[in-house]
Amino acid sequence: MGTEERRASRHDEIKAILERKGGAEEARDDADKYTVVGAANRKTYANWLTPIEEHFVCHRNDMPEADGDGEWTVSLTGYLEDAHSVAEIREEFPTVAVAHTMECAGNGRGQHRPETGSVQWGYEAAGTAVWSGTPLSAVLRGELEDVPDDAWLTAVGGDPSDGEDVFARSIPLSKAVDDCILAYEMNGQMLPREHGFPIRLIVPGWYGVNSVKWLDELRVMDEMVTDESLDRPGDHAYWQQEAYRIHPEGVEPAVNETVETGDTWDQLEGGEPAHPYTFDQTVMSVIGEPDGESAVTVPEDGTVEITGVAWAGDDDVAGVEVSTDGGDSWAEAELFGPDYAGAWRLFQYDWEATPGEYVLASRATDDRGRRQPMRISNPDAWRDALDDDEFPWNEGGYAANAVLPNALELEVRSP
């Protein structure tokens, strides 16, 4: 299948993207398949807004050709029979701006031991941007009278596969009309090609795989996408039902037509379905400054500011703790700055530092009391890991949010 084949063209794509993105660097992909660049510096995570130049990129197929005349068309199918060009979407529907923390579902995959999967992300596959576009609810207004409340929306990308797979992802229709948008701008600029130009779906608070780029079709259906769900040739189900599922090594996840919740952590804890889908982001945090790349000199007042970001998908961040001794003890940090649903919060801790060697770590808790686990488990633990304050090692390396793999070593020097 094309999903497993090497893609030589990705190297030219990465080179061109890095020429535009001075604050990013290439991520290692052992499959030689994905176009992947991530934030080059931990200091990215000391700021609320991520510049386009530092925002990560991840896709698996060549970027499609699209010009700027607005003729690219998004088809509405399934229960719907309609289509809109990008020009129509921009000109005939309202425009809103949404702050969204985009995180790759494979963020932290490179922290699994043994390593697994292809792209070996650390923490650098996350960023917060302001996405401007049309609310999906506006596009679908008046079109859903005969559609069941528990229907699903399947988004299909227009990127050309080198195999038989079609990139299709399904989300609950209720989520789609609640807060999703069809975005054509990013941080006030025309959407860059590598971020989905001319139009992409943005699903606030959910893993990036759901925010389909180069949007070609929106299909309202009774269930999630499965094989033969779409009126087009190819393998329709792979990216929903097989890839981006959390499961132990050697397991083939069962196909489900629907699930009770889009909360990834609820699926993981509750065991239903047996192998969760990567929808809503799990609670996570990263320290941005100090970055550990150079020693810190104690200021005259003795206080070193530790700053970072924390996010929790559809949920709110309730609090963040900071440790300077590798997790042996913790102190409350202060949340500050912008507070938007689906976007990360800034946190700060004033540390009374003395000269020495330290290990700095952060852990966030969401408003449902769910806290980041300390480490990633061994491959045999599976769900038992949750009882040991560990995140389950999984074959795809998805949804990891452990504390210690994101810690940093810091030297503090005398003035």
Protein backbone atom coordinates (compact mmCIF):
# COMPACT_ATOMS: atom_id res chain seq x y z
CA MET A 1 0.00 0.00 0.00
CA GLY A 2 1.13 3.53 -0.75
CA THR A 3 0.87 4.45 2.92
CA GLU A 4 3.99 2.35 3.55
CA GLU A 5 6.08 3.36 0.54
CA ARG A 6 9.00 5.77 0.61
CA ARG A 7 8.36 9.18 -0.94
CA ALA A 8 11.50 10.71 -2.39
CA SER A 9 9.74 13.96 -3.26
CA ARG A 10 9.36 14.78 0.44
CA HIS A 11 13.00 15.89 0.61
CA ASP A 12 12.47 18.68 -1.92
CA GLU A 13 9.32 19.73 -0.07
CA ILE A 14 11.15 19.88 3.25
CA LYS A 15 14.01 21.88 1.74
CA ALA A 16 11.60 24.43 0.28
CA ILE A 17 9.61 24.69 3.52
CA LEU A 18 12.73 25.22 5.63
CA GLU A 19 13.78 28.05 3.31
CA ARG A 20 10.58 29.80 4.39
CA LYS A 21 10.59 28.62 8.00
CA GLY A 22 13.70 29.94 9.71
CA GLY A 23 12.54 28.73 13.12
CA ALA A 24 11.92 25.10 12.19
CA GLU A 25 14.01 22.00 11.54
CA GLU A 26 13.46 18.63 9.90
CA ALA A 27 12.19 15.77 12.05
CA ARG A 28 13.53 12.24 11.61
CA ASP A 29 11.23 9.92 9.67
CA ASP A 30 12.44 6.35 9.56
CA ALA A 31 9.84 5.47 6.93
CA ASP A 32 11.10 8.24 4.62
CA LYS A 33 7.45 9.00 3.85
CA TYR A 34 6.34 12.17 5.64
CA THR A 35 7.05 15.82 5.05
CA VAL A 36 7.83 16.81 8.63
CA VAL A 37 9.40 19.88 10.23
CA GLY A 38 9.00 21.04 13.81
CA ALA A 39 9.92 23.93 16.07
CA ALA A 40 13.72 24.22 16.21
CA ASN A 41 13.93 25.85 19.62
CA ARG A 42 12.29 25.15 22.97
CA LYS A 43 11.80 28.92 23.34
CA THR A 44 8.88 28.61 20.90
CA TYR A 45 6.97 27.33 23.93
CA ALA A 46 7.55 30.46 26.00
CA ASN A 47 5.14 32.41 23.77
CA TRP A 48 1.40 32.20 23.29
CA LEU A 49 1.32 32.77 19.51
CA THR A 50 3.48 30.53 17.35
CA PRO A 51 4.89 32.33 14.28
CA ILE A 52 4.27 30.53 11.01
CA GLU A 53 8.05 30.23 10.69
CA GLU A 54 8.16 28.07 13.85
CA HIS A 55 4.93 26.10 13.43
CA PHE A 56 5.29 22.39 12.72
CA VAL A 57 4.27 20.75 9.44
CA CYS A 58 3.27 17.13 8.89
CA HIS A 59 1.75 15.45 5.84
CA ARG A 60 2.12 12.14 4.07
CA ASN A 61 1.43 12.91 0.38
CA ASP A 62 2.71 15.47 -2.11
CA MET A 63 1.08 18.87 -1.77
CA PRO A 64 -1.57 19.37 -4.47
CA GLU A 65 -1.32 22.18 -6.98
CA ALA A 66 -3.72 25.04 -6.31
CA ASP A 67 -3.74 28.60 -7.63
CA GLY A 68 -5.00 31.71 -5.93
CA ASP A 69 -8.05 32.34 -8.09
CA GLY A 70 -10.45 30.78 -5.59
CA GLU A 71 -11.68 28.09 -8.00
CA TRP A 72 -10.73 25.18 -5.73
CA THR A 73 -14.06 23.55 -4.81
CA VAL A 74 -15.24 21.76 -1.68
CA SER A 75 -18.00 19.23 -2.40
CA LEU A 76 -20.81 18.60 0.12
CA THR A 77 -22.03 15.01 -0.17
CA GLY A 78 -23.78 12.19 1.65
CA TYR A 79 -26.90 13.71 3.15
CA LEU A 80 -25.95 16.87 1.26
CA GLU A 81 -25.77 17.73 -2.42
CA ASP A 82 -23.90 20.96 -2.90
CA ALA A 83 -20.47 22.45 -3.58
CA HIS A 84 -18.74 25.74 -2.89
CA SER A 85 -15.62 27.26 -4.39
CA VAL A 86 -13.12 28.83 -2.04
CA ALA A 87 -14.09 32.21 -3.48
CA GLU A 88 -17.74 31.58 -2.56
CA ILE A 89 -16.81 30.45 0.93
CA ARG A 90 -14.75 33.60 1.48
CA GLU A 91 -17.25 36.05 -0.01
CA GLU A 92 -20.71 34.64 0.74
CA PHE A 93 -20.32 33.43 4.32
CA PRO A 94 -19.19 35.11 7.55
CA THR A 95 -15.56 35.13 8.61
CA VAL A 96 -14.33 34.38 12.13
CA ALA A 97 -10.93 33.97 13.77
CA VAL A 98 -10.23 30.98 16.03
CA ALA A 99 -7.21 30.43 18.27
CA HIS A 100 -6.29 26.74 18.15
CA THR A 101 -3.39 24.73 19.51
CA MET A 102 -2.54 22.31 16.73
CA GLU A 103 -0.76 19.17 17.95
CA CYS A 104 0.25 16.17 15.87
CA ALA A 105 -1.18 12.96 17.33
CA GLY A 106 2.36 11.55 17.06
CA ASN A 107 3.89 14.29 19.21
CA GLY A 108 6.13 12.45 21.70
CA ARG A 109 6.44 9.32 19.55
CA GLY A 110 10.23 9.58 19.64
CA GLN A 111 10.07 9.33 23.44
CA HIS A 112 8.80 5.74 23.33
CA ARG A 113 11.34 3.06 24.26
CA PRO A 114 11.76 1.01 22.25
CA GLU A 115 11.16 3.46 19.43
CA THR A 116 8.11 2.85 17.30
CA GLY A 117 6.46 4.25 14.21
CA SER A 118 8.10 6.48 11.67
CA VAL A 119 8.34 10.19 12.58
CA GLN A 120 10.34 10.54 15.78
CA TRP A 121 8.79 13.67 17.27
CA GLY A 122 9.85 14.97 20.66
CA TYR A 123 7.64 17.84 21.88
CA GLU A 124 8.11 20.06 18.80
CA ALA A 125 4.96 19.06 16.88
CA ALA A 126 2.65 21.57 18.56
CA GLY A 127 1.89 25.23 17.95
CA THR A 128 -0.81 27.82 18.50
CA ALA A 129 -2.00 29.97 15.62
CA VAL A 130 -4.99 32.19 14.90
CA TRP A 131 -6.91 30.60 12.04
CA SER A 132 -9.38 32.72 10.07
CA GLY A 133 -12.17 31.32 7.95
CA THR A 134 -15.84 30.41 7.72
CA PRO A 135 -17.72 28.62 10.50
CA LEU A 136 -18.77 25.21 9.27
CA SER A 137 -22.14 25.83 10.92
CA ALA A 138 -22.71 28.73 8.51
CA VAL A 139 -21.97 26.58 5.46
CA LEU A 140 -24.28 23.82 6.69
CA ARG A 141 -27.09 26.09 7.94
CA GLY A 142 -30.43 24.91 6.57
CA GLU A 143 -28.91 21.71 5.21
CA LEU A 144 -29.29 19.41 8.23
CA GLU A 145 -33.05 19.17 8.90
CA ASP A 146 -33.21 15.47 7.96
CA VAL A 147 -29.84 14.52 9.42
CA PRO A 148 -29.72 12.45 12.65
CA ASP A 149 -28.20 14.14 15.71
CA ASP A 150 -25.57 11.39 16.00
CA ALA A 151 -24.36 11.72 12.39
CA TRP A 152 -20.71 12.05 11.42
CA LEU A 153 -18.87 14.42 9.12
CA THR A 154 -16.10 12.94 6.98
CA ALA A 155 -13.49 15.32 5.57
CA VAL A 156 -11.51 14.19 2.54
CA GLY A 157 -8.19 15.72 1.56
CA GLY A 158 -7.26 16.59 -1.99
CA ASP A 159 -3.63 15.54 -1.65
CA PRO A 160 -2.75 12.86 -4.23
CA SER A 161 -1.73 9.51 -2.72
CA ASP A 162 0.98 7.36 -4.28
CA GLY A 163 -1.07 4.29 -3.34
CA GLU A 164 -4.73 3.35 -3.11
CA ASP A 165 -5.51 5.12 0.17
CA VAL A 166 -7.76 8.17 0.37
CA PHE A 167 -7.04 10.56 3.23
CA ALA A 168 -10.40 10.71 5.01
CA ARG A 169 -11.14 11.54 8.65
CA SER A 170 -14.51 11.50 10.42
CA ILE A 171 -15.61 13.63 13.37
CA PRO A 172 -19.01 13.83 15.07
CA LEU A 173 -21.29 16.26 13.25
CA SER A 174 -22.10 17.83 16.62
CA LYS A 175 -18.44 18.83 17.01
CA ALA A 176 -18.28 20.08 13.42
CA VAL A 177 -21.16 22.54 13.83
CA ASP A 178 -20.09 23.56 17.34
CA ASP A 179 -16.74 25.21 16.67
CA CYS A 180 -15.05 23.98 13.47
CA ILE A 181 -14.13 26.33 10.64
CA LEU A 182 -13.00 26.18 7.03
CA ALA A 183 -9.76 28.15 7.30
CA TYR A 184 -8.05 30.14 4.56
CA GLU A 185 -5.77 32.37 6.67
CA MET A 186 -3.18 31.68 9.38
CA ASN A 187 -1.93 34.41 11.71
CA GLY A 188 -3.42 37.04 9.43
CA GLN A 189 -1.72 35.75 6.29
CA MET A 190 -2.97 33.70 3.38
CA LEU A 191 -2.83 30.05 4.38
CA PRO A 192 0.64 28.73 3.41
CA ARG A 193 0.67 25.83 0.99
CA GLU A 194 2.21 23.44 3.50
CA HIS A 195 -0.53 24.31 5.99
CA GLY A 196 -3.33 23.44 3.58
CA PHE A 197 -3.73 26.24 1.01
CA PRO A 198 -6.22 27.06 -0.32
CA ILE A 199 -8.53 25.72 2.42
CA ARG A 200 -8.46 23.32 5.33
CA LEU A 201 -10.70 22.13 8.12
CA ILE A 202 -9.81 23.31 11.62
CA VAL A 203 -11.10 21.17 14.51
CA PRO A 204 -10.28 23.14 17.68
CA GLY A 205 -8.84 21.16 20.57
CA TRP A 206 -8.44 17.94 18.55
CA TYR A 207 -5.29 16.34 17.19
CA GLY A 208 -4.02 17.76 13.92
CA VAL A 209 -4.86 14.68 11.85
CA ASN A 210 -8.52 15.68 12.13
CA SER A 211 -7.90 19.16 10.67
CA VAL A 212 -7.76 17.92 7.09
CA LYS A 213 -5.65 20.01 4.73
CA TRP A 214 -6.39 20.77 1.05
CA LEU A 215 -10.04 20.05 1.75
CA ASP A 216 -11.80 18.42 -1.19
CA GLU A 217 -15.02 16.94 0.20
CA LEU A 218 -17.25 17.10 3.27
CA ARG A 219 -19.58 14.12 3.54
CA VAL A 220 -22.35 13.91 6.15
CA MET A 221 -22.90 10.25 7.02
CA ASP A 222 -24.65 8.02 9.55
CA GLU A 223 -21.33 6.60 10.76
CA MET A 224 -17.56 7.05 10.64
CA VAL A 225 -15.81 6.38 7.38
CA THR A 226 -15.25 2.70 6.57
CA ASP A 227 -14.28 0.96 3.35
CA GLU A 228 -16.61 1.82 0.47
CA SER A 229 -18.10 4.76 2.37
CA LEU A 230 -17.13 7.27 -0.30
CA ASP A 231 -18.17 7.62 -3.93
CA ARG A 232 -14.63 7.37 -5.20
CA PRO A 233 -12.09 4.58 -5.78
CA GLY A 234 -9.50 3.58 -3.22
CA ASP A 235 -9.08 2.49 0.40
CA HIS A 236 -11.30 4.84 2.38
CA ALA A 237 -10.87 3.55 5.94
CA TYR A 238 -7.13 3.34 6.55
CA TRP A 239 -6.52 6.77 8.11
CA GLN A 240 -9.56 6.51 10.40
CA GLN A 241 -9.87 2.85 11.33
CA GLU A 242 -6.28 1.57 11.26
CA ALA A 243 -3.80 4.43 11.48
CA TYR A 244 -4.03 6.91 14.36
CA ARG A 245 -5.46 4.28 16.72
CA ILE A 246 -3.91 3.60 20.14
CA HIS A 247 -3.12 -0.10 20.61
CA PRO A 248 -0.38 -2.50 21.76
CA GLU A 249 2.10 -3.99 19.34
CA GLY A 250 0.79 -6.54 16.87
CA VAL A 251 -2.90 -5.69 17.30
CA GLU A 252 -5.25 -4.90 14.43
CA PRO A 253 -7.91 -2.51 15.77
CA ALA A 254 -11.54 -3.41 15.15
CA VAL A 255 -13.54 -1.24 12.78
CA ASN A 256 -16.23 0.82 14.52
CA GLU A 257 -19.07 2.67 12.88
CA THR A 258 -19.43 5.01 15.84
CA VAL A 259 -18.07 5.72 19.34
CA GLU A 260 -19.77 7.15 22.41
CA THR A 261 -17.21 9.88 23.08
CA GLY A 262 -14.64 11.91 21.20
CA ASP A 263 -12.54 12.26 24.36
CA THR A 264 -9.35 10.28 23.73
CA TRP A 265 -8.50 9.91 27.43
CA ASP A 266 -12.02 8.69 28.28
CA GLN A 267 -11.67 6.04 25.59
CA LEU A 268 -8.28 5.01 26.95
CA GLU A 269 -9.40 4.80 30.58
CA GLY A 270 -12.80 3.29 29.89
CA GLY A 271 -11.71 0.66 27.40
CA GLU A 272 -14.49 1.51 24.96
CA PRO A 273 -13.60 1.19 22.19
CA ALA A 274 -10.83 -1.26 23.00
CA HIS A 275 -8.33 0.73 20.95
CA PRO A 276 -8.99 4.48 21.10
CA TYR A 277 -9.19 6.93 18.24
CA THR A 278 -7.05 10.07 18.39
CA PHE A 279 -9.64 12.80 18.61
CA ASP A 280 -9.51 15.25 21.55
CA GLN A 281 -5.99 16.15 22.75
CA THR A 282 -4.77 14.83 26.10
CA VAL A 283 -3.55 17.30 28.76
CA MET A 284 0.03 18.40 28.09
CA SER A 285 2.66 21.03 28.97
CA VAL A 286 6.12 22.12 27.84
CA ILE A 287 8.65 24.47 29.46
CA GLY A 288 9.89 27.11 27.00
CA GLU A 289 12.37 29.08 29.11
CA PRO A 290 14.95 28.41 30.35
CA ASP A 291 15.68 26.15 27.40
CA GLY A 292 18.61 24.21 28.87
CA GLU A 293 20.83 25.02 25.90
CA SER A 294 23.02 27.31 27.97
CA ALA A 295 23.66 27.94 31.65
CA VAL A 296 21.60 30.48 33.57
CA THR A 297 23.24 33.04 35.83
CA VAL A 298 21.35 33.80 39.04
CA PRO A 299 19.93 37.35 38.80
CA GLU A 300 20.53 39.86 41.58
CA ASP A 301 17.14 39.14 43.14
CA GLY A 302 17.81 35.39 43.00
CA THR A 303 14.67 34.66 40.94
CA VAL A 304 14.74 32.65 37.70
CA GLU A 305 11.49 32.77 35.72
CA ILE A 306 10.32 29.44 34.35
CA THR A 307 7.81 29.93 31.53
CA GLY A 308 5.92 27.50 29.34
CA VAL A 309 2.59 26.48 27.82
CA ALA A 310 -0.09 23.96 28.77
CA TRP A 311 -3.13 22.70 26.88
CA ALA A 312 -5.93 20.16 27.29
CA GLY A 313 -7.86 19.85 24.04
CA ASP A 314 -11.57 20.45 24.51
CA ASP A 315 -11.04 20.82 28.25
CA ASP A 316 -9.60 23.73 30.21
CA VAL A 317 -6.23 23.69 31.95
CA ALA A 318 -6.95 23.83 35.68
CA GLY A 319 -3.37 24.21 36.82
CA VAL A 320 0.31 23.59 36.17
CA GLU A 321 3.03 22.46 38.57
CA VAL A 322 6.78 22.89 38.10
CA SER A 323 9.58 20.73 39.49
CA THR A 324 13.26 21.68 39.63
CA ASP A 325 14.43 18.29 40.93
CA GLY A 326 13.21 15.93 38.23
CA GLY A 327 9.78 15.33 39.73
CA ASP A 328 10.66 14.63 43.36
CA SER A 329 8.81 17.77 44.50
CA TRP A 330 6.37 20.18 42.88
CA ALA A 331 5.26 23.81 43.19
CA GLU A 332 2.24 25.58 41.71
CA ALA A 333 2.84 27.79 38.68
CA GLU A 334 0.66 30.74 37.71
CA LEU A 335 -1.50 30.67 34.58
CA PHE A 336 -1.58 33.94 32.68
CA GLY A 337 -2.20 35.51 29.30
CA PRO A 338 -4.91 34.76 26.71
CA ASP A 339 -7.56 32.22 27.69
CA TYR A 340 -9.39 30.80 24.67
CA ALA A 341 -11.13 27.44 24.32
CA GLY A 342 -8.96 25.03 22.36
CA ALA A 343 -5.75 27.06 22.79
CA TRP A 344 -2.92 26.66 25.25
CA ARG A 345 -2.33 28.76 28.36
CA LEU A 346 0.94 30.37 29.38
CA PHE A 347 2.33 29.51 32.81
CA GLN A 348 5.09 31.03 34.92
CA TYR A 349 6.92 30.01 38.08
CA ASP A 350 9.32 32.28 39.96
CA TRP A 351 12.09 30.01 41.16
CA GLU A 352 14.44 31.03 43.95
CA ALA A 353 17.48 29.43 42.34
CA THR A 354 20.93 28.71 43.70
CA PRO A 355 23.99 27.55 41.73
CA GLY A 356 23.93 23.87 40.78
CA GLU A 357 22.65 21.26 38.33
CA TYR A 358 18.89 20.83 38.00
CA VAL A 359 16.21 18.92 36.08
CA LEU A 360 13.20 21.10 35.25
CA ALA A 361 9.82 19.54 34.50
CA SER A 362 6.19 20.64 34.25
CA ARG A 363 2.91 18.79 34.60
CA ALA A 364 -0.56 20.09 33.83
CA THR A 365 -3.98 19.07 35.12
CA ASP A 366 -7.21 19.62 33.22
CA ASP A 367 -10.53 20.79 34.65
CA ARG A 368 -11.66 17.18 35.06
CA GLY A 369 -8.75 16.43 37.37
CA ARG A 370 -6.75 14.43 34.81
CA ARG A 371 -3.01 15.00 35.17
CA GLN A 372 -0.08 14.22 32.90
CA PRO A 373 1.50 10.85 33.77
CA MET A 374 5.16 10.81 34.74
CA ARG A 375 6.60 8.53 32.07
CA ILE A 376 5.82 6.24 29.12
CA SER A 377 5.42 2.59 30.05
CA ASN A 378 7.16 -0.47 28.66
CA PRO A 379 5.41 -2.18 25.72
CA ASP A 380 3.89 -4.96 27.85
CA ALA A 381 1.98 -2.74 30.27
CA TRP A 382 -0.82 -1.47 28.01
CA ARG A 383 -3.73 -0.12 30.12
CA ASP A 384 -2.14 -1.30 33.39
CA ALA A 385 0.26 1.61 32.88
CA LEU A 386 -2.47 4.06 33.87
CA ASP A 387 -2.47 2.66 37.42
CA ASP A 388 1.28 3.31 37.70
CA ASP A 389 1.18 6.97 36.63
CA GLU A 390 2.45 6.03 33.16
CA PHE A 391 1.20 6.59 29.64
CA PRO A 392 0.75 3.32 27.73
CA TRP A 393 3.45 2.58 25.17
CA ASN A 394 1.56 1.99 21.92
CA GLU A 395 2.61 0.76 18.52
CA GLY A 396 1.74 3.98 16.70
CA GLY A 397 3.31 6.21 19.35
CA TYR A 398 0.15 8.31 19.60
CA ALA A 399 -1.19 10.81 22.18
CA ALA A 400 1.81 10.62 24.52
CA ASN A 401 1.79 13.30 27.22
CA ALA A 402 4.32 12.06 29.80
CA VAL A 403 6.18 14.51 32.03
CA LEU A 404 9.75 13.28 32.31
CA PRO A 405 10.51 12.79 28.58
CA ASN A 406 9.92 16.55 28.18
CA ALA A 407 12.06 17.60 31.14
CA LEU A 408 15.29 19.55 30.62
CA GLU A 409 18.64 19.71 32.36
CA LEU A 410 19.82 23.14 33.46
CA GLU A 411 23.01 24.52 34.95
CA VAL A 412 22.63 27.53 37.24
CA ARG A 413 25.74 29.62 37.84
CA SER A 414 26.72 32.25 40.37
CA PRO A 415 26.71 35.91 39.25
